[in-house]
Protein backbone atom coordinates (compact mmCIF):
# COMPACT_ATOMS: atom_id res chain seq x y z
CA MET A 1 0.11 -0.02 -0.02
CA ALA A 2 1.49 3.34 -0.99
CA LYS A 3 2.51 5.81 1.70
CA ILE A 4 1.66 9.48 1.33
CA ILE A 5 3.23 12.37 3.28
CA THR A 6 1.53 15.66 2.41
CA HIS A 7 3.36 18.77 3.68
CA THR A 8 0.89 21.70 3.67
CA ILE A 9 2.78 25.12 4.47
CA GLU A 10 1.45 28.54 4.80
CA ILE A 11 3.69 31.35 4.14
CA PRO A 12 3.13 35.16 4.56
CA LYS A 13 3.66 37.37 1.51
CA ASN A 14 7.28 38.26 1.04
CA ALA A 15 8.42 35.41 3.33
CA THR A 16 10.58 32.67 2.08
CA ARG A 17 10.01 29.06 3.16
CA TRP A 18 13.08 27.26 4.67
CA TRP A 19 13.43 24.81 1.87
CA ILE A 20 14.18 27.79 -0.53
CA LYS A 21 16.55 29.35 1.98
CA LYS A 22 18.41 26.20 2.55
CA THR A 23 18.58 25.51 -1.40
CA LYS A 24 20.19 28.92 -1.75
CA ASP A 25 22.45 28.49 1.43
CA ASP A 26 23.59 24.97 0.06
CA SER A 27 24.50 26.62 -3.47
CA SER A 28 28.06 26.71 -2.68
CA LEU A 29 28.47 23.18 -1.61
CA PRO A 30 29.52 20.22 -3.96
CA LEU A 31 26.37 18.72 -5.59
CA GLU A 32 26.56 15.34 -3.57
CA ASN A 33 26.27 17.58 -0.31
CA ARG A 34 23.20 19.60 -1.08
CA LEU A 35 19.97 18.85 0.69
CA GLU A 36 17.76 19.39 -2.25
CA ILE A 37 20.04 17.00 -4.46
CA ILE A 38 20.04 14.26 -1.77
CA VAL A 39 16.40 14.31 -1.41
CA ASP A 40 15.47 14.63 -5.10
CA SER A 41 17.79 11.74 -5.66
CA TYR A 42 16.34 9.69 -3.04
CA ARG A 43 12.74 10.35 -4.32
CA LYS A 44 13.69 9.43 -7.88
CA SER A 45 15.44 6.23 -6.68
CA LYS A 46 12.11 5.06 -4.93
CA ASN A 47 9.86 6.07 -7.65
CA CYS A 48 8.37 8.65 -5.71
CA LYS A 49 5.40 10.58 -7.20
CA MET A 50 5.21 14.24 -6.35
CA GLU A 51 2.48 16.63 -6.83
CA PHE A 52 2.45 20.33 -5.91
CA SER A 53 -0.40 23.06 -5.52
CA SER A 54 -0.61 26.37 -4.42
CA THR A 55 -3.48 28.74 -3.25
CA GLN A 56 -3.54 32.39 -2.36
CA LEU A 57 -5.41 32.55 0.86
CA ASP A 58 -7.69 35.58 2.07
CA ASN A 59 -5.48 36.27 4.77
CA GLY A 60 -2.66 37.07 2.57
CA LYS A 61 -0.67 33.99 3.07
CA VAL A 62 0.11 31.45 0.26
CA ARG A 63 -0.74 27.84 0.79
CA LEU A 64 1.67 25.14 -0.63
CA VAL A 65 0.39 21.40 -0.51
CA ILE A 66 3.21 19.07 -1.55
CA LYS A 67 2.14 15.64 -1.97
CA ASN A 68 5.04 12.80 -1.96
CA SER A 69 3.85 9.24 -2.54
CA PHE A 70 5.96 6.58 -1.79
CA GLN A 71 5.60 2.71 -2.72
CA ASN A 72 5.90 1.48 1.03
CA GLN A 73 6.55 2.44 4.67
CA ALA A 74 10.61 1.76 4.27
CA ASP A 75 10.96 4.21 1.33
CA LEU A 76 8.87 6.84 3.51
CA ASP A 77 10.86 6.18 6.48
CA GLY A 78 14.16 6.71 4.67
CA TYR A 79 12.66 10.10 3.30
CA LEU A 80 11.83 11.19 6.77
CA ALA A 81 15.40 10.38 7.86
CA LEU A 82 16.98 12.28 5.24
CA LEU A 83 15.01 15.33 6.76
CA GLU A 84 15.08 14.64 10.32
CA PRO A 85 18.72 16.43 11.08
CA TYR A 86 17.23 19.66 9.54
CA ALA A 87 13.85 19.57 11.46
CA ALA A 88 15.03 21.80 14.49
CA GLU A 89 16.55 24.41 12.06
CA ARG A 90 13.52 24.25 9.69
CA ASP A 91 11.00 24.82 12.84
CA ALA A 92 12.89 27.65 14.22
CA TYR A 93 13.03 29.36 10.75
CA HIS A 94 9.28 28.80 10.39
CA ALA A 95 8.57 30.27 13.72
CA GLU A 96 10.64 33.34 12.98
CA LYS A 97 8.89 34.00 9.81
CA ASN A 98 5.41 33.12 10.76
CA ILE A 99 5.18 30.18 8.53
CA VAL A 100 2.74 27.34 9.36
CA CYS A 101 3.87 23.91 8.31
CA PHE A 102 2.17 20.64 9.18
CA ASP A 103 2.59 17.04 7.62
CA THR A 104 -0.14 14.29 7.10
CA ILE A 105 0.75 10.70 6.31
CA THR A 106 -1.92 8.78 4.68
CA GLU A 107 -2.30 5.29 2.79
CA GLU A 108 -3.46 5.12 -0.62
């Protein structure tokens, strides 16, 4: 059964979400050390399907919904393990910028 993690992120106007900041910060690193490359390579190696949508909210924020569908729990666990070392950094940045982020995991 497929495991789906949905990242829902609400970003104030003119704020930059952590993932984009991290990508810019990593731009001087060798490709094999950049988080975006590591995560993207992992998703590709696991045949992860990714969907992305955005909505302008009445409160001025933008809601991003990023859905990653993995074939099994082990593949999802591997994905989460790649992100875990950055969780505190990401959460602190989001709190500072008034970015709301939550994840849900479902089966399909």
